[in-house]
Protein backbone atom coordinates (compact mmCIF):
# COMPACT_ATOMS: atom_id res chain seq x y z
CA UNK A 1 0.00 0.00 0.00
CA UNK A 2 2.80 2.40 0.90
CA UNK A 3 4.56 1.73 -2.41
CA UNK A 4 1.37 2.47 -4.33
CA UNK A 5 0.99 5.80 -2.53
CA UNK A 6 4.57 6.77 -3.31
CA UNK A 7 4.06 6.00 -7.00
CA UNK A 8 0.84 8.03 -7.02
CA UNK A 9 2.55 10.93 -5.29
CA UNK A 10 5.40 10.88 -7.83
CA UNK A 11 2.93 10.80 -10.71
CA UNK A 12 1.07 13.80 -9.29
CA UNK A 13 4.31 15.69 -8.69
CA UNK A 14 5.52 14.85 -12.21
CA UNK A 15 2.26 16.08 -13.74
CA UNK A 16 2.56 19.36 -11.83
CA UNK A 17 6.20 19.89 -12.81
CA UNK A 18 5.41 19.19 -16.48
CA UNK A 19 2.38 21.51 -16.42
CA UNK A 20 4.47 24.33 -14.93
CA UNK A 21 7.18 23.88 -17.56
CA UNK A 22 4.70 23.83 -20.44
CA UNK A 23 3.01 26.98 -19.10
CA UNK A 24 6.39 28.74 -19.18
CA UNK A 25 7.10 27.39 -22.67
CA UNK A 26 3.76 28.75 -23.93
CA UNK A 27 4.72 32.18 -22.60
CA UNK A 28 8.12 32.02 -24.30
CA UNK A 29 6.56 30.90 -27.60
CA UNK A 30 4.03 33.75 -27.50
CA UNK A 31 6.85 36.18 -28.31
CA UNK A 32 7.49 34.41 -31.63
CA UNK A 33 9.71 31.65 -32.98
CA UNK A 34 13.27 32.95 -32.71
CA UNK A 35 16.67 31.44 -32.00
CA UNK A 36 16.74 33.17 -28.63
CA UNK A 37 13.23 31.90 -27.88
CA UNK A 38 13.94 28.22 -28.56
CA UNK A 39 17.12 28.48 -26.50
CA UNK A 40 15.02 29.80 -23.60
CA UNK A 41 12.71 26.80 -24.05
CA UNK A 42 15.79 24.54 -23.92
CA UNK A 43 16.87 26.21 -20.67
CA UNK A 44 13.41 25.70 -19.17
CA UNK A 45 13.50 22.01 -20.05
CA UNK A 46 16.99 21.73 -18.58
CA UNK A 47 15.48 22.96 -15.31
CA UNK A 48 12.74 20.33 -15.59
CA UNK A 49 15.36 17.64 -16.24
CA UNK A 50 16.93 18.44 -12.86
CA UNK A 51 13.91 16.68 -11.34
CA UNK A 52 15.46 13.36 -12.31
CA UNK A 53 13.51 11.44 -9.66
CA UNK A 54 10.35 12.13 -11.68
CA UNK A 55 11.66 10.87 -15.03
CA UNK A 56 13.84 7.84 -14.38
CA UNK A 57 14.30 4.88 -16.70
CA UNK A 58 12.70 2.66 -14.04
CA UNK A 59 9.39 4.42 -14.80
CA UNK A 60 9.97 5.22 -18.47
CA UNK A 61 11.66 2.06 -19.61
CA UNK A 62 13.13 1.35 -23.03
CA UNK A 63 11.98 -1.70 -25.02
CA UNK A 64 13.30 -5.06 -23.88
CA UNK A 65 16.01 -6.96 -25.72
CA UNK A 66 13.42 -9.15 -27.45
CA UNK A 67 11.29 -6.27 -28.70
CA UNK A 68 11.40 -5.27 -32.35
CA UNK A 69 11.32 -1.57 -31.53
CA UNK A 70 14.52 0.02 -30.25
CA UNK A 71 12.86 2.95 -28.50
CA UNK A 72 9.62 4.15 -26.94
CA UNK A 73 8.32 7.70 -27.23
CA UNK A 74 6.24 8.61 -24.16
CA UNK A 75 3.88 11.58 -24.47
CA UNK A 76 4.10 13.64 -21.28
CA UNK A 77 2.07 16.64 -22.44
CA UNK A 78 0.24 18.01 -25.48
CA UNK A 79 -2.39 20.74 -25.64
CA UNK A 80 -5.88 19.96 -26.95
CA UNK A 81 -5.02 21.80 -30.18
CA UNK A 82 -1.89 19.61 -30.52
CA UNK A 83 0.53 22.43 -29.65
CA UNK A 84 3.41 22.25 -27.17
CA UNK A 85 4.08 18.53 -27.21
CA UNK A 86 6.57 17.12 -24.72
CA UNK A 87 7.84 13.56 -25.02
CA UNK A 88 10.32 11.36 -23.22
CA UNK A 89 12.29 9.18 -25.62
CA UNK A 90 13.66 5.96 -24.11
CA UNK A 91 16.16 4.16 -26.35
CA UNK A 92 17.37 0.64 -25.52
CA UNK A 93 20.78 0.58 -27.19
CA UNK A 94 21.51 1.98 -30.63
CA UNK A 95 19.37 4.29 -32.75
CA UNK A 96 20.00 6.57 -35.70
CA UNK A 97 17.82 9.14 -37.45
CA UNK A 98 18.93 10.52 -40.83
CA UNK A 99 19.32 14.25 -41.51
CA UNK A 100 15.84 15.81 -41.23
CA UNK A 101 13.96 18.99 -40.39
CA UNK A 102 10.91 19.39 -38.13
CA UNK A 103 8.75 22.16 -39.72
CA UNK A 104 8.23 23.43 -36.15
CA UNK A 105 10.64 24.40 -33.38
CA UNK A 106 12.21 21.48 -31.55
CA UNK A 107 14.25 21.02 -28.38
CA UNK A 108 16.11 17.96 -27.06
CA UNK A 109 17.40 17.78 -23.48
CA UNK A 110 19.37 14.94 -21.91
CA UNK A 111 18.37 12.88 -18.86
CA UNK A 112 20.40 9.66 -19.12
CA UNK A 113 22.98 8.37 -21.61
CA UNK A 114 24.26 10.24 -24.66
CA UNK A 115 22.64 11.29 -27.93
CA UNK A 116 25.00 12.70 -30.57
CA UNK A 117 23.36 15.40 -32.66
CA UNK A 118 24.83 16.55 -35.98
CA UNK A 119 23.71 19.86 -37.47
CA UNK A 120 23.72 20.49 -41.21
CA UNK A 121 23.85 23.75 -43.13
CA UNK A 122 21.36 23.04 -45.91
CA UNK A 123 17.61 23.45 -45.73
CA UNK A 124 15.78 20.17 -46.31
CA UNK A 125 14.93 19.82 -49.99
CA UNK A 126 18.11 21.54 -51.16
CA UNK A 127 21.42 19.87 -51.89
CA UNK A 128 23.19 17.11 -50.01
CA UNK A 129 23.46 17.91 -46.28
CA UNK A 130 26.84 19.26 -45.13
CA UNK A 131 27.88 18.95 -41.49
CA UNK A 132 28.33 22.23 -39.62
CA UNK A 133 28.43 21.09 -35.98
CA UNK A 134 28.34 18.05 -33.71
CA UNK A 135 26.86 18.26 -30.21
CA UNK A 136 26.44 15.63 -27.51
CA UNK A 137 23.12 15.77 -25.70
CA UNK A 138 23.53 14.27 -22.23
CA UNK A 139 22.55 15.08 -18.67
CA UNK A 140 22.79 18.84 -18.14
CA UNK A 141 22.86 19.74 -21.84
CA UNK A 142 20.33 20.34 -24.59
CA UNK A 143 19.99 21.56 -28.16
CA UNK A 144 17.37 23.75 -29.84
CA UNK A 145 16.19 23.94 -33.46
CA UNK A 146 14.19 26.34 -35.57
CA UNK A 147 11.65 24.80 -38.00
CA UNK A 148 14.06 24.73 -40.98
CA UNK A 149 17.13 23.51 -39.07
CA UNK A 150 18.42 20.11 -40.16
CA UNK A 151 20.02 17.56 -37.84
CA UNK A 152 20.60 13.83 -37.43
CA UNK A 153 20.59 11.72 -34.25
CA UNK A 154 22.96 8.92 -33.25
CA UNK A 155 22.69 6.92 -30.00
CA UNK A 156 24.91 4.11 -28.74
CA UNK A 157 24.43 2.48 -25.36
CA UNK A 158 20.89 3.74 -24.80
CA UNK A 159 19.53 7.13 -23.75
CA UNK A 160 16.61 8.86 -22.07
CA UNK A 161 15.82 12.37 -23.33
CA UNK A 162 13.14 15.04 -23.46
CA UNK A 163 11.93 15.91 -26.96
CA UNK A 164 9.69 18.97 -27.16
CA UNK A 165 7.98 20.42 -30.25
CA UNK A 166 5.79 23.35 -31.14
CA UNK A 167 3.33 20.86 -32.68
CA UNK A 168 2.69 17.22 -31.83
CA UNK A 169 4.68 14.72 -33.88
CA UNK A 170 1.54 13.07 -35.22
CA UNK A 171 0.72 16.40 -36.93
CA UNK A 172 4.07 16.84 -38.67
CA UNK A 173 3.34 15.51 -42.15
CA UNK A 174 5.66 17.82 -44.13
CA UNK A 175 9.02 16.98 -42.60
CA UNK A 176 11.78 15.88 -44.96
CA UNK A 177 14.81 13.64 -44.53
CA UNK A 178 17.91 12.88 -46.57
CA UNK A 179 18.00 9.37 -48.05
CA UNK A 180 21.69 8.54 -48.37
CA UNK A 181 20.95 5.49 -50.55
CA UNK A 182 19.17 7.45 -53.27
CA UNK A 183 20.84 10.81 -52.55
CA UNK A 184 17.59 12.73 -52.35
CA UNK A 185 15.25 14.40 -49.88
CA UNK A 186 12.09 12.46 -49.10
CA UNK A 187 8.96 12.90 -46.97
CA UNK A 188 9.48 11.86 -43.35
CA UNK A 189 6.30 10.06 -42.17
CA UNK A 190 4.66 11.49 -39.05
CA UNK A 191 5.08 9.46 -35.84
CA UNK A 192 2.11 7.30 -34.90
CA UNK A 193 3.62 4.84 -32.39
CA UNK A 194 3.51 7.09 -29.33
CA UNK A 195 2.91 5.73 -25.82
CA UNK A 196 0.40 7.85 -23.90
CA UNK A 197 1.87 8.92 -20.54
CA UNK A 198 -0.12 12.08 -19.75
CA UNK A 199 -1.82 12.22 -16.37
CA UNK A 200 -5.46 11.21 -16.69
CA UNK A 201 -5.05 9.64 -20.14
CA UNK A 202 -5.15 5.94 -20.98
CA UNK A 203 -2.96 4.22 -23.57
């Protein structure tokens, strides 16, 4: 009984901390989508990530070794109009995402493990992507993107990270990614395999 109460208390505290962070992010976004603005959103999520007891891998576990999927995307918050979506991405071991844009602002903040992010100079749909920067997202660090920014993701050894977007991933139907096999930009399908983890919502 005591263990159940502790879990319930943590869930309530987590919901409150997430709601407070999203309220601040809404206020930041209201001033417009700018580089300075998305960096302020990153800083706010870094503050949320300091509450590590609320977002541990024991609660938000990655897929097991026998699972086909390598990662699980948990939805922590999303407004009724599908704005301001916050997810927790739990990766089991290795994962890679090709160069792609988001068509909305995006922020990634580290909780556990390491996620190598590579930035590219070209806008999606232009020429072949050229690397401009590499950045390691890990505990205490984060990276922010404007809608047209292009990056790729590379994880080895597993990771647990916040991913936050101006619009929910299921609504992002116009993203593009670079196909290195055919050397062309292609449509990046919207995510549909999201695990519901919002307070008061079922799977």
